[in-house]
Amino acid sequence: QAISKHLRVMERSGLVRSSRCGRERRWRLNEQRLVDARFYLEQISRQW
């Protein structure tokens, strides 16, 4: 239940995607969002 709650929050932010497979919901990491976040954090780091 806790993992499910965290995944829903991460899905709203675009970090993961879900799809239905029968009765299950499968989760997949959206790697591009992590690449984007890393790029943004590197920019902030350079500014600091």
ModelCIF file with pLDDT and N, C-alpha, C, O atoms, coordinates in Angstrom:
data_MODEL
#
_entry.id   MODEL 
#
_entity.id                         1 
_entity.type                       polymer 
_entity.pdbx_number_of_molecules   1 
#
_entity_poly.entity_id                      1 
_entity_poly.type                           'polypeptide(L)' 
_entity_poly.nstd_linkage                   no 
_entity_poly.nstd_monomer                   no 
_entity_poly.pdbx_seq_one_letter_code       QAISKHLRVMERSGLVRSSRCGRERRWRLNEQRLVDARFYLEQISRQW 
_entity_poly.pdbx_seq_one_letter_code_can   QAISKHLRVMERSGLVRSSRCGRERRWRLNEQRLVDARFYLEQISRQW 
_entity_poly.pdbx_strand_id                 A 
#
loop_
_entity_poly_seq.entity_id 
_entity_poly_seq.num 
_entity_poly_seq.mon_id 
_entity_poly_seq.hetero 
1 1  GLN n 
1 2  ALA n 
1 3  ILE n 
1 4  SER n 
1 5  LYS n 
1 6  HIS n 
1 7  LEU n 
1 8  ARG n 
1 9  VAL n 
1 10 MET n 
1 11 GLU n 
1 12 ARG n 
1 13 SER n 
1 14 GLY n 
1 15 LEU n 
1 16 VAL n 
1 17 ARG n 
1 18 SER n 
1 19 SER n 
1 20 ARG n 
1 21 CYS n 
1 22 GLY n 
1 23 ARG n 
1 24 GLU n 
1 25 ARG n 
1 26 ARG n 
1 27 TRP n 
1 28 ARG n 
1 29 LEU n 
1 30 ASN n 
1 31 GLU n 
1 32 GLN n 
1 33 ARG n 
1 34 LEU n 
1 35 VAL n 
1 36 ASP n 
1 37 ALA n 
1 38 ARG n 
1 39 PHE n 
1 40 TYR n 
1 41 LEU n 
1 42 GLU n 
1 43 GLN n 
1 44 ILE n 
1 45 SER n 
1 46 ARG n 
1 47 GLN n 
1 48 TRP n 
#
_struct_asym.id          A 
_struct_asym.entity_id   1 
#
loop_
_ma_qa_metric.id 
_ma_qa_metric.mode 
_ma_qa_metric.name 
_ma_qa_metric.software_group_id 
_ma_qa_metric.type 
1 global pLDDT . pLDDT 
2 local  pLDDT . pLDDT 
#
_ma_qa_metric_global.metric_id      1 
_ma_qa_metric_global.metric_value   94.48 
_ma_qa_metric_global.model_id       1 
_ma_qa_metric_global.ordinal_id     1 
#
loop_
_ma_qa_metric_local.label_asym_id 
_ma_qa_metric_local.label_comp_id 
_ma_qa_metric_local.label_seq_id 
_ma_qa_metric_local.metric_id 
_ma_qa_metric_local.metric_value 
_ma_qa_metric_local.model_id 
_ma_qa_metric_local.ordinal_id 
A GLN 1  2 91.00 1 1  
A ALA 2  2 93.00 1 2  
A ILE 3  2 93.00 1 3  
A SER 4  2 92.00 1 4  
A LYS 5  2 94.00 1 5  
A HIS 6  2 94.00 1 6  
A LEU 7  2 95.00 1 7  
A ARG 8  2 95.00 1 8  
A VAL 9  2 96.00 1 9  
A MET 10 2 95.00 1 10 
A GLU 11 2 96.00 1 11 
A ARG 12 2 95.00 1 12 
A SER 13 2 92.00 1 13 
A GLY 14 2 93.00 1 14 
A LEU 15 2 95.00 1 15 
A VAL 16 2 96.00 1 16 
A ARG 17 2 95.00 1 17 
A SER 18 2 94.00 1 18 
A SER 19 2 94.00 1 19 
A ARG 20 2 93.00 1 20 
A CYS 21 2 89.00 1 21 
A GLY 22 2 91.00 1 22 
A ARG 23 2 89.00 1 23 
A GLU 24 2 90.00 1 24 
A ARG 25 2 91.00 1 25 
A ARG 26 2 94.00 1 26 
A TRP 27 2 94.00 1 27 
A ARG 28 2 95.00 1 28 
A LEU 29 2 95.00 1 29 
A ASN 30 2 95.00 1 30 
A GLU 31 2 95.00 1 31 
A GLN 32 2 95.00 1 32 
A ARG 33 2 94.00 1 33 
A LEU 34 2 92.00 1 34 
A VAL 35 2 96.00 1 35 
A ASP 36 2 95.00 1 36 
A ALA 37 2 92.00 1 37 
A ARG 38 2 95.00 1 38 
A PHE 39 2 97.00 1 39 
A TYR 40 2 97.00 1 40 
A LEU 41 2 97.00 1 41 
A GLU 42 2 98.00 1 42 
A GLN 43 2 98.00 1 43 
A ILE 44 2 98.00 1 44 
A SER 45 2 98.00 1 45 
A ARG 46 2 98.00 1 46 
A GLN 47 2 98.00 1 47 
A TRP 48 2 98.00 1 48 
#
loop_
_atom_site.group_PDB 
_atom_site.id 
_atom_site.type_symbol 
_atom_site.label_atom_id 
_atom_site.label_alt_id 
_atom_site.label_comp_id 
_atom_site.label_asym_id 
_atom_site.label_entity_id 
_atom_site.label_seq_id 
_atom_site.pdbx_PDB_ins_code 
_atom_site.Cartn_x 
_atom_site.Cartn_y 
_atom_site.Cartn_z 
_atom_site.occupancy 
_atom_site.B_iso_or_equiv 
_atom_site.pdbx_formal_charge 
_atom_site.auth_seq_id 
_atom_site.auth_comp_id 
_atom_site.auth_asym_id 
_atom_site.auth_atom_id 
_atom_site.pdbx_PDB_model_num 
ATOM 1   N N  . GLN A 1 1  ? 0.826  -1.203 0.000   1.00 91.00 ? 1  GLN A N  1 
ATOM 2   C CA . GLN A 1 1  ? 0.000  0.000  0.000   1.00 91.00 ? 1  GLN A CA 1 
ATOM 3   C C  . GLN A 1 1  ? 0.863  1.258  0.000   1.00 91.00 ? 1  GLN A C  1 
ATOM 4   O O  . GLN A 1 1  ? 0.555  2.222  -0.700  1.00 91.00 ? 1  GLN A O  1 
ATOM 5   N N  . ALA A 1 2  ? 1.936  1.252  0.778   1.00 93.00 ? 2  ALA A N  1 
ATOM 6   C CA . ALA A 1 2  ? 2.837  2.405  0.829   1.00 93.00 ? 2  ALA A CA 1 
ATOM 7   C C  . ALA A 1 2  ? 3.544  2.587  -0.507  1.00 93.00 ? 2  ALA A C  1 
ATOM 8   O O  . ALA A 1 2  ? 3.678  3.708  -0.996  1.00 93.00 ? 2  ALA A O  1 
ATOM 9   N N  . ILE A 1 3  ? 3.989  1.496  -1.090  1.00 93.00 ? 3  ILE A N  1 
ATOM 10  C CA . ILE A 1 3  ? 4.653  1.573  -2.395  1.00 93.00 ? 3  ILE A CA 1 
ATOM 11  C C  . ILE A 1 3  ? 3.679  2.091  -3.444  1.00 93.00 ? 3  ILE A C  1 
ATOM 12  O O  . ILE A 1 3  ? 4.044  2.922  -4.276  1.00 93.00 ? 3  ILE A O  1 
ATOM 13  N N  . SER A 1 4  ? 2.454  1.607  -3.408  1.00 92.00 ? 4  SER A N  1 
ATOM 14  C CA . SER A 1 4  ? 1.437  2.056  -4.349  1.00 92.00 ? 4  SER A CA 1 
ATOM 15  C C  . SER A 1 4  ? 1.195  3.557  -4.216  1.00 92.00 ? 4  SER A C  1 
ATOM 16  O O  . SER A 1 4  ? 1.081  4.260  -5.220  1.00 92.00 ? 4  SER A O  1 
ATOM 17  N N  . LYS A 1 5  ? 1.118  4.041  -2.997  1.00 94.00 ? 5  LYS A N  1 
ATOM 18  C CA . LYS A 1 5  ? 0.903  5.472  -2.757  1.00 94.00 ? 5  LYS A CA 1 
ATOM 19  C C  . LYS A 1 5  ? 2.066  6.292  -3.326  1.00 94.00 ? 5  LYS A C  1 
ATOM 20  O O  . LYS A 1 5  ? 1.845  7.310  -3.982  1.00 94.00 ? 5  LYS A O  1 
ATOM 21  N N  . HIS A 1 6  ? 3.290  5.856  -3.080  1.00 94.00 ? 6  HIS A N  1 
ATOM 22  C CA . HIS A 1 6  ? 4.458  6.562  -3.596  1.00 94.00 ? 6  HIS A CA 1 
ATOM 23  C C  . HIS A 1 6  ? 4.497  6.538  -5.125  1.00 94.00 ? 6  HIS A C  1 
ATOM 24  O O  . HIS A 1 6  ? 4.842  7.535  -5.760  1.00 94.00 ? 6  HIS A O  1 
ATOM 25  N N  . LEU A 1 7  ? 4.146  5.406  -5.701  1.00 95.00 ? 7  LEU A N  1 
ATOM 26  C CA . LEU A 1 7  ? 4.144  5.302  -7.159  1.00 95.00 ? 7  LEU A CA 1 
ATOM 27  C C  . LEU A 1 7  ? 3.128  6.247  -7.790  1.00 95.00 ? 7  LEU A C  1 
ATOM 28  O O  . LEU A 1 7  ? 3.392  6.830  -8.842  1.00 95.00 ? 7  LEU A O  1 
ATOM 29  N N  . ARG A 1 8  ? 1.968  6.401  -7.156  1.00 95.00 ? 8  ARG A N  1 
ATOM 30  C CA . ARG A 1 8  ? 0.962  7.329  -7.689  1.00 95.00 ? 8  ARG A CA 1 
ATOM 31  C C  . ARG A 1 8  ? 1.475  8.767  -7.665  1.00 95.00 ? 8  ARG A C  1 
ATOM 32  O O  . ARG A 1 8  ? 1.242  9.527  -8.604  1.00 95.00 ? 8  ARG A O  1 
ATOM 33  N N  . VAL A 1 9  ? 2.173  9.138  -6.591  1.00 96.00 ? 9  VAL A N  1 
ATOM 34  C CA . VAL A 1 9  ? 2.759  10.482 -6.510  1.00 96.00 ? 9  VAL A CA 1 
ATOM 35  C C  . VAL A 1 9  ? 3.822  10.639 -7.587  1.00 96.00 ? 9  VAL A C  1 
ATOM 36  O O  . VAL A 1 9  ? 3.875  11.664 -8.266  1.00 96.00 ? 9  VAL A O  1 
ATOM 37  N N  . MET A 1 10 ? 4.668  9.628  -7.746  1.00 95.00 ? 10 MET A N  1 
ATOM 38  C CA . MET A 1 10 ? 5.720  9.680  -8.762  1.00 95.00 ? 10 MET A CA 1 
ATOM 39  C C  . MET A 1 10 ? 5.126  9.720  -10.169 1.00 95.00 ? 10 MET A C  1 
ATOM 40  O O  . MET A 1 10 ? 5.690  10.342 -11.070 1.00 95.00 ? 10 MET A O  1 
ATOM 41  N N  . GLU A 1 11 ? 3.993  9.057  -10.352 1.00 96.00 ? 11 GLU A N  1 
ATOM 42  C CA . GLU A 1 11 ? 3.333  9.067  -11.661 1.00 96.00 ? 11 GLU A CA 1 
ATOM 43  C C  . GLU A 1 11 ? 2.808  10.467 -11.977 1.00 96.00 ? 11 GLU A C  1 
ATOM 44  O O  . GLU A 1 11 ? 2.915  10.925 -13.115 1.00 96.00 ? 11 GLU A O  1 
ATOM 45  N N  . ARG A 1 12 ? 2.245  11.145 -10.985 1.00 95.00 ? 12 ARG A N  1 
ATOM 46  C CA . ARG A 1 12 ? 1.759  12.510 -11.210 1.00 95.00 ? 12 ARG A CA 1 
ATOM 47  C C  . ARG A 1 12 ? 2.899  13.455 -11.587 1.00 95.00 ? 12 ARG A C  1 
ATOM 48  O O  . ARG A 1 12 ? 2.689  14.419 -12.324 1.00 95.00 ? 12 ARG A O  1 
ATOM 49  N N  . SER A 1 13 ? 4.095  13.183 -11.086 1.00 92.00 ? 13 SER A N  1 
ATOM 50  C CA . SER A 1 13 ? 5.242  14.035 -11.418 1.00 92.00 ? 13 SER A CA 1 
ATOM 51  C C  . SER A 1 13 ? 5.922  13.604 -12.715 1.00 92.00 ? 13 SER A C  1 
ATOM 52  O O  . SER A 1 13 ? 6.826  14.289 -13.193 1.00 92.00 ? 13 SER A O  1 
ATOM 53  N N  . GLY A 1 14 ? 5.500  12.486 -13.284 1.00 93.00 ? 14 GLY A N  1 
ATOM 54  C CA . GLY A 1 14 ? 6.063  12.024 -14.542 1.00 93.00 ? 14 GLY A CA 1 
ATOM 55  C C  . GLY A 1 14 ? 7.297  11.147 -14.395 1.00 93.00 ? 14 GLY A C  1 
ATOM 56  O O  . GLY A 1 14 ? 7.919  10.797 -15.398 1.00 93.00 ? 14 GLY A O  1 
ATOM 57  N N  . LEU A 1 15 ? 7.668  10.779 -13.161 1.00 95.00 ? 15 LEU A N  1 
ATOM 58  C CA . LEU A 1 15 ? 8.854  9.946  -12.961 1.00 95.00 ? 15 LEU A CA 1 
ATOM 59  C C  . LEU A 1 15 ? 8.628  8.485  -13.331 1.00 95.00 ? 15 LEU A C  1 
ATOM 60  O O  . LEU A 1 15 ? 9.562  7.793  -13.738 1.00 95.00 ? 15 LEU A O  1 
ATOM 61  N N  . VAL A 1 16 ? 7.407  8.022  -13.192 1.00 96.00 ? 16 VAL A N  1 
ATOM 62  C CA . VAL A 1 16 ? 7.070  6.647  -13.572 1.00 96.00 ? 16 VAL A CA 1 
ATOM 63  C C  . VAL A 1 16 ? 5.788  6.669  -14.389 1.00 96.00 ? 16 VAL A C  1 
ATOM 64  O O  . VAL A 1 16 ? 5.015  7.626  -14.345 1.00 96.00 ? 16 VAL A O  1 
ATOM 65  N N  . ARG A 1 17 ? 5.585  5.593  -15.133 1.00 95.00 ? 17 ARG A N  1 
ATOM 66  C CA . ARG A 1 17 ? 4.353  5.394  -15.905 1.00 95.00 ? 17 ARG A CA 1 
ATOM 67  C C  . ARG A 1 17 ? 3.782  4.038  -15.534 1.00 95.00 ? 17 ARG A C  1 
ATOM 68  O O  . ARG A 1 17 ? 4.511  3.110  -15.186 1.00 95.00 ? 17 ARG A O  1 
ATOM 69  N N  . SER A 1 18 ? 2.481  3.946  -15.615 1.00 94.00 ? 18 SER A N  1 
ATOM 70  C CA . SER A 1 18 ? 1.860  2.656  -15.323 1.00 94.00 ? 18 SER A CA 1 
ATOM 71  C C  . SER A 1 18 ? 1.005  2.223  -16.508 1.00 94.00 ? 18 SER A C  1 
ATOM 72  O O  . SER A 1 18 ? 0.533  3.040  -17.298 1.00 94.00 ? 18 SER A O  1 
ATOM 73  N N  . SER A 1 19 ? 0.826  0.919  -16.603 1.00 94.00 ? 19 SER A N  1 
ATOM 74  C CA . SER A 1 19 ? -0.060 0.354  -17.610 1.00 94.00 ? 19 SER A CA 1 
ATOM 75  C C  . SER A 1 19 ? -0.704 -0.888 -17.021 1.00 94.00 ? 19 SER A C  1 
ATOM 76  O O  . SER A 1 19 ? -0.138 -1.543 -16.146 1.00 94.00 ? 19 SER A O  1 
ATOM 77  N N  . ARG A 1 20 ? -1.886 -1.201 -17.507 1.00 93.00 ? 20 ARG A N  1 
ATOM 78  C CA . ARG A 1 20 ? -2.601 -2.380 -17.047 1.00 93.00 ? 20 ARG A CA 1 
ATOM 79  C C  . ARG A 1 20 ? -2.145 -3.590 -17.848 1.00 93.00 ? 20 ARG A C  1 
ATOM 80  O O  . ARG A 1 20 ? -1.973 -3.529 -19.066 1.00 93.00 ? 20 ARG A O  1 
ATOM 81  N N  . CYS A 1 21 ? -1.954 -4.687 -17.129 1.00 89.00 ? 21 CYS A N  1 
ATOM 82  C CA . CYS A 1 21 ? -1.630 -5.959 -17.760 1.00 89.00 ? 21 CYS A CA 1 
ATOM 83  C C  . CYS A 1 21 ? -2.482 -7.006 -17.053 1.00 89.00 ? 21 CYS A C  1 
ATOM 84  O O  . CYS A 1 21 ? -2.079 -7.574 -16.038 1.00 89.00 ? 21 CYS A O  1 
ATOM 85  N N  . GLY A 1 22 ? -3.659 -7.250 -17.605 1.00 91.00 ? 22 GLY A N  1 
ATOM 86  C CA . GLY A 1 22 ? -4.603 -8.130 -16.918 1.00 91.00 ? 22 GLY A CA 1 
ATOM 87  C C  . GLY A 1 22 ? -5.110 -7.443 -15.669 1.00 91.00 ? 22 GLY A C  1 
ATOM 88  O O  . GLY A 1 22 ? -5.606 -6.318 -15.732 1.00 91.00 ? 22 GLY A O  1 
ATOM 89  N N  . ARG A 1 23 ? -4.988 -8.114 -14.527 1.00 89.00 ? 23 ARG A N  1 
ATOM 90  C CA . ARG A 1 23 ? -5.426 -7.529 -13.265 1.00 89.00 ? 23 ARG A CA 1 
ATOM 91  C C  . ARG A 1 23 ? -4.333 -6.706 -12.600 1.00 89.00 ? 23 ARG A C  1 
ATOM 92  O O  . ARG A 1 23 ? -4.591 -6.001 -11.624 1.00 89.00 ? 23 ARG A O  1 
ATOM 93  N N  . GLU A 1 24 ? -3.131 -6.793 -13.116 1.00 90.00 ? 24 GLU A N  1 
ATOM 94  C CA . GLU A 1 24 ? -1.998 -6.082 -12.520 1.00 90.00 ? 24 GLU A CA 1 
ATOM 95  C C  . GLU A 1 24 ? -1.764 -4.736 -13.177 1.00 90.00 ? 24 GLU A C  1 
ATOM 96  O O  . GLU A 1 24 ? -2.130 -4.510 -14.330 1.00 90.00 ? 24 GLU A O  1 
ATOM 97  N N  . ARG A 1 25 ? -1.158 -3.869 -12.431 1.00 91.00 ? 25 ARG A N  1 
ATOM 98  C CA . ARG A 1 25 ? -0.665 -2.611 -12.968 1.00 91.00 ? 25 ARG A CA 1 
ATOM 99  C C  . ARG A 1 25 ? 0.850  -2.707 -12.961 1.00 91.00 ? 25 ARG A C  1 
ATOM 100 O O  . ARG A 1 25 ? 1.459  -2.979 -11.926 1.00 91.00 ? 25 ARG A O  1 
ATOM 101 N N  . ARG A 1 26 ? 1.454  -2.482 -14.118 1.00 94.00 ? 26 ARG A N  1 
ATOM 102 C CA . ARG A 1 26 ? 2.912  -2.543 -14.246 1.00 94.00 ? 26 ARG A CA 1 
ATOM 103 C C  . ARG A 1 26 ? 3.469  -1.129 -14.254 1.00 94.00 ? 26 ARG A C  1 
ATOM 104 O O  . ARG A 1 26 ? 2.894  -0.219 -14.852 1.00 94.00 ? 26 ARG A O  1 
ATOM 105 N N  . TRP A 1 27 ? 4.589  -0.964 -13.582 1.00 94.00 ? 27 TRP A N  1 
ATOM 106 C CA . TRP A 1 27 ? 5.209  0.353  -13.439 1.00 94.00 ? 27 TRP A CA 1 
ATOM 107 C C  . TRP A 1 27 ? 6.540  0.373  -14.158 1.00 94.00 ? 27 TRP A C  1 
ATOM 108 O O  . TRP A 1 27 ? 7.296  -0.598 -14.136 1.00 94.00 ? 27 TRP A O  1 
ATOM 109 N N  . ARG A 1 28 ? 6.811  1.507  -14.798 1.00 95.00 ? 28 ARG A N  1 
ATOM 110 C CA . ARG A 1 28 ? 8.055  1.666  -15.552 1.00 95.00 ? 28 ARG A CA 1 
ATOM 111 C C  . ARG A 1 28 ? 8.626  3.048  -15.249 1.00 95.00 ? 28 ARG A C  1 
ATOM 112 O O  . ARG A 1 28 ? 7.897  4.039  -15.200 1.00 95.00 ? 28 ARG A O  1 
ATOM 113 N N  . LEU A 1 29 ? 9.930  3.096  -15.049 1.00 95.00 ? 29 LEU A N  1 
ATOM 114 C CA . LEU A 1 29 ? 10.626 4.348  -14.796 1.00 95.00 ? 29 LEU A CA 1 
ATOM 115 C C  . LEU A 1 29 ? 10.701 5.175  -16.075 1.00 95.00 ? 29 LEU A C  1 
ATOM 116 O O  . LEU A 1 29 ? 11.020 4.647  -17.141 1.00 95.00 ? 29 LEU A O  1 
ATOM 117 N N  . ASN A 1 30 ? 10.411 6.458  -15.973 1.00 95.00 ? 30 ASN A N  1 
ATOM 118 C CA . ASN A 1 30 ? 10.568 7.376  -17.093 1.00 95.00 ? 30 ASN A CA 1 
ATOM 119 C C  . ASN A 1 30 ? 11.946 8.016  -16.946 1.00 95.00 ? 30 ASN A C  1 
ATOM 120 O O  . ASN A 1 30 ? 12.096 9.039  -16.279 1.00 95.00 ? 30 ASN A O  1 
ATOM 121 N N  . GLU A 1 31 ? 12.937 7.413  -17.566 1.00 95.00 ? 31 GLU A N  1 
ATOM 122 C CA . GLU A 1 31 ? 14.327 7.835  -17.393 1.00 95.00 ? 31 GLU A CA 1 
ATOM 123 C C  . GLU A 1 31 ? 14.565 9.264  -17.865 1.00 95.00 ? 31 GLU A C  1 
ATOM 124 O O  . GLU A 1 31 ? 15.428 9.954  -17.323 1.00 95.00 ? 31 GLU A O  1 
ATOM 125 N N  . GLN A 1 32 ? 13.824 9.713  -18.853 1.00 95.00 ? 32 GLN A N  1 
ATOM 126 C CA . GLN A 1 32 ? 14.038 11.069 -19.368 1.00 95.00 ? 32 GLN A CA 1 
ATOM 127 C C  . GLN A 1 32 ? 13.761 12.115 -18.285 1.00 95.00 ? 32 GLN A C  1 
ATOM 128 O O  . GLN A 1 32 ? 14.429 13.147 -18.236 1.00 95.00 ? 32 GLN A O  1 
ATOM 129 N N  . ARG A 1 33 ? 12.787 11.854 -17.426 1.00 94.00 ? 33 ARG A N  1 
ATOM 130 C CA . ARG A 1 33 ? 12.504 12.809 -16.341 1.00 94.00 ? 33 ARG A CA 1 
ATOM 131 C C  . ARG A 1 33 ? 13.690 12.902 -15.394 1.00 94.00 ? 33 ARG A C  1 
ATOM 132 O O  . ARG A 1 33 ? 13.972 13.984 -14.879 1.00 94.00 ? 33 ARG A O  1 
ATOM 133 N N  . LEU A 1 34 ? 14.393 11.800 -15.149 1.00 92.00 ? 34 LEU A N  1 
ATOM 134 C CA . LEU A 1 34 ? 15.582 11.845 -14.311 1.00 92.00 ? 34 LEU A CA 1 
ATOM 135 C C  . LEU A 1 34 ? 16.710 12.585 -15.009 1.00 92.00 ? 34 LEU A C  1 
ATOM 136 O O  . LEU A 1 34 ? 17.452 13.329 -14.368 1.00 92.00 ? 34 LEU A O  1 
ATOM 137 N N  . VAL A 1 35 ? 16.848 12.391 -16.318 1.00 96.00 ? 35 VAL A N  1 
ATOM 138 C CA . VAL A 1 35 ? 17.851 13.124 -17.086 1.00 96.00 ? 35 VAL A CA 1 
ATOM 139 C C  . VAL A 1 35 ? 17.554 14.619 -17.006 1.00 96.00 ? 35 VAL A C  1 
ATOM 140 O O  . VAL A 1 35 ? 18.460 15.426 -16.801 1.00 96.00 ? 35 VAL A O  1 
ATOM 141 N N  . ASP A 1 36 ? 16.286 14.984 -17.167 1.00 95.00 ? 36 ASP A N  1 
ATOM 142 C CA . ASP A 1 36 ? 15.891 16.395 -17.078 1.00 95.00 ? 36 ASP A CA 1 
ATOM 143 C C  . ASP A 1 36 ? 16.194 16.967 -15.697 1.00 95.00 ? 36 ASP A C  1 
ATOM 144 O O  . ASP A 1 36 ? 16.714 18.077 -15.580 1.00 95.00 ? 36 ASP A O  1 
ATOM 145 N N  . ALA A 1 37 ? 15.869 16.209 -14.655 1.00 92.00 ? 37 ALA A N  1 
ATOM 146 C CA . ALA A 1 37 ? 16.119 16.670 -13.283 1.00 92.00 ? 37 ALA A CA 1 
ATOM 147 C C  . ALA A 1 37 ? 17.614 16.838 -13.034 1.00 92.00 ? 37 ALA A C  1 
ATOM 148 O O  . ALA A 1 37 ? 18.039 17.813 -12.415 1.00 92.00 ? 37 ALA A O  1 
ATOM 149 N N  . ARG A 1 38 ? 18.398 15.900 -13.511 1.00 95.00 ? 38 ARG A N  1 
ATOM 150 C CA . ARG A 1 38 ? 19.852 15.999 -13.334 1.00 95.00 ? 38 ARG A CA 1 
ATOM 151 C C  . ARG A 1 38 ? 20.393 17.233 -14.049 1.00 95.00 ? 38 ARG A C  1 
ATOM 152 O O  . ARG A 1 38 ? 21.223 17.950 -13.491 1.00 95.00 ? 38 ARG A O  1 
ATOM 153 N N  . PHE A 1 39 ? 19.940 17.491 -15.266 1.00 97.00 ? 39 PHE A N  1 
ATOM 154 C CA . PHE A 1 39 ? 20.372 18.662 -16.013 1.00 97.00 ? 39 PHE A CA 1 
ATOM 155 C C  . PHE A 1 39 ? 20.024 19.936 -15.245 1.00 97.00 ? 39 PHE A C  1 
ATOM 156 O O  . PHE A 1 39 ? 20.856 20.834 -15.110 1.00 97.00 ? 39 PHE A O  1 
ATOM 157 N N  . TYR A 1 40 ? 18.807 20.008 -14.751 1.00 97.00 ? 40 TYR A N  1 
ATOM 158 C CA . TYR A 1 40 ? 18.359 21.175 -13.996 1.00 97.00 ? 40 TYR A CA 1 
ATOM 159 C C  . TYR A 1 40 ? 19.209 21.362 -12.737 1.00 97.00 ? 40 TYR A C  1 
ATOM 160 O O  . TYR A 1 40 ? 19.647 22.476 -12.447 1.00 97.00 ? 40 TYR A O  1 
ATOM 161 N N  . LEU A 1 41 ? 19.444 20.283 -11.993 1.00 97.00 ? 41 LEU A N  1 
ATOM 162 C CA . LEU A 1 41 ? 20.241 20.376 -10.767 1.00 97.00 ? 41 LEU A CA 1 
ATOM 163 C C  . LEU A 1 41 ? 21.690 20.759 -11.061 1.00 97.00 ? 41 LEU A C  1 
ATOM 164 O O  . LEU A 1 41 ? 22.314 21.470 -10.274 1.00 97.00 ? 41 LEU A O  1 
ATOM 165 N N  . GLU A 1 42 ? 22.224 20.296 -12.182 1.00 98.00 ? 42 GLU A N  1 
ATOM 166 C CA . GLU A 1 42 ? 23.584 20.694 -12.564 1.00 98.00 ? 42 GLU A CA 1 
ATOM 167 C C  . GLU A 1 42 ? 23.646 22.180 -12.881 1.00 98.00 ? 42 GLU A C  1 
ATOM 168 O O  . GLU A 1 42 ? 24.631 22.843 -12.556 1.00 98.00 ? 42 GLU A O  1 
ATOM 169 N N  . GLN A 1 43 ? 22.598 22.711 -13.516 1.00 98.00 ? 43 GLN A N  1 
ATOM 170 C CA . GLN A 1 43 ? 22.543 24.145 -13.784 1.00 98.00 ? 43 GLN A CA 1 
ATOM 171 C C  . GLN A 1 43 ? 22.518 24.938 -12.477 1.00 98.00 ? 43 GLN A C  1 
ATOM 172 O O  . GLN A 1 43 ? 23.252 25.914 -12.317 1.00 98.00 ? 43 GLN A O  1 
ATOM 173 N N  . ILE A 1 44 ? 21.673 24.510 -11.555 1.00 98.00 ? 44 ILE A N  1 
ATOM 174 C CA . ILE A 1 44 ? 21.573 25.181 -10.255 1.00 98.00 ? 44 ILE A CA 1 
ATOM 175 C C  . ILE A 1 44 ? 22.916 25.103 -9.538  1.00 98.00 ? 44 ILE A C  1 
ATOM 176 O O  . ILE A 1 44 ? 23.349 26.083 -8.932  1.00 98.00 ? 44 ILE A O  1 
ATOM 177 N N  . SER A 1 45 ? 23.570 23.965 -9.597  1.00 98.00 ? 45 SER A N  1 
ATOM 178 C CA . SER A 1 45 ? 24.868 23.790 -8.951  1.00 98.00 ? 45 SER A CA 1 
ATOM 179 C C  . SER A 1 45 ? 25.902 24.759 -9.522  1.00 98.00 ? 45 SER A C  1 
ATOM 180 O O  . SER A 1 45 ? 26.675 25.364 -8.779  1.00 98.00 ? 45 SER A O  1 
ATOM 181 N N  . ARG A 1 46 ? 25.908 24.901 -10.851 1.00 98.00 ? 46 ARG A N  1 
ATOM 182 C CA . ARG A 1 46 ? 26.852 25.834 -11.482 1.00 98.00 ? 46 ARG A CA 1 
ATOM 183 C C  . ARG A 1 46 ? 26.562 27.271 -11.052 1.00 98.00 ? 46 ARG A C  1 
ATOM 184 O O  . ARG A 1 46 ? 27.484 28.053 -10.823 1.00 98.00 ? 46 ARG A O  1 
ATOM 185 N N  . GLN A 1 47 ? 25.280 27.614 -10.942 1.00 98.00 ? 47 GLN A N  1 
ATOM 186 C CA . GLN A 1 47 ? 24.911 28.960 -10.514 1.00 98.00 ? 47 GLN A CA 1 
ATOM 187 C C  . GLN A 1 47 ? 25.379 29.220 -9.079  1.00 98.00 ? 47 GLN A C  1 
ATOM 188 O O  . GLN A 1 47 ? 25.903 30.292 -8.777  1.00 98.00 ? 47 GLN A O  1 
ATOM 189 N N  . TRP A 1 48 ? 25.188 28.242 -8.208  1.00 98.00 ? 48 TRP A N  1 
ATOM 190 C CA . TRP A 1 48 ? 25.640 28.390 -6.821  1.00 98.00 ? 48 TRP A CA 1 
ATOM 191 C C  . TRP A 1 48 ? 27.159 28.477 -6.755  1.00 98.00 ? 48 TRP A C  1 
ATOM 192 O O  . TRP A 1 48 ? 27.724 28.604 -5.669  1.00 98.00 ? 48 TRP A O  1 
#
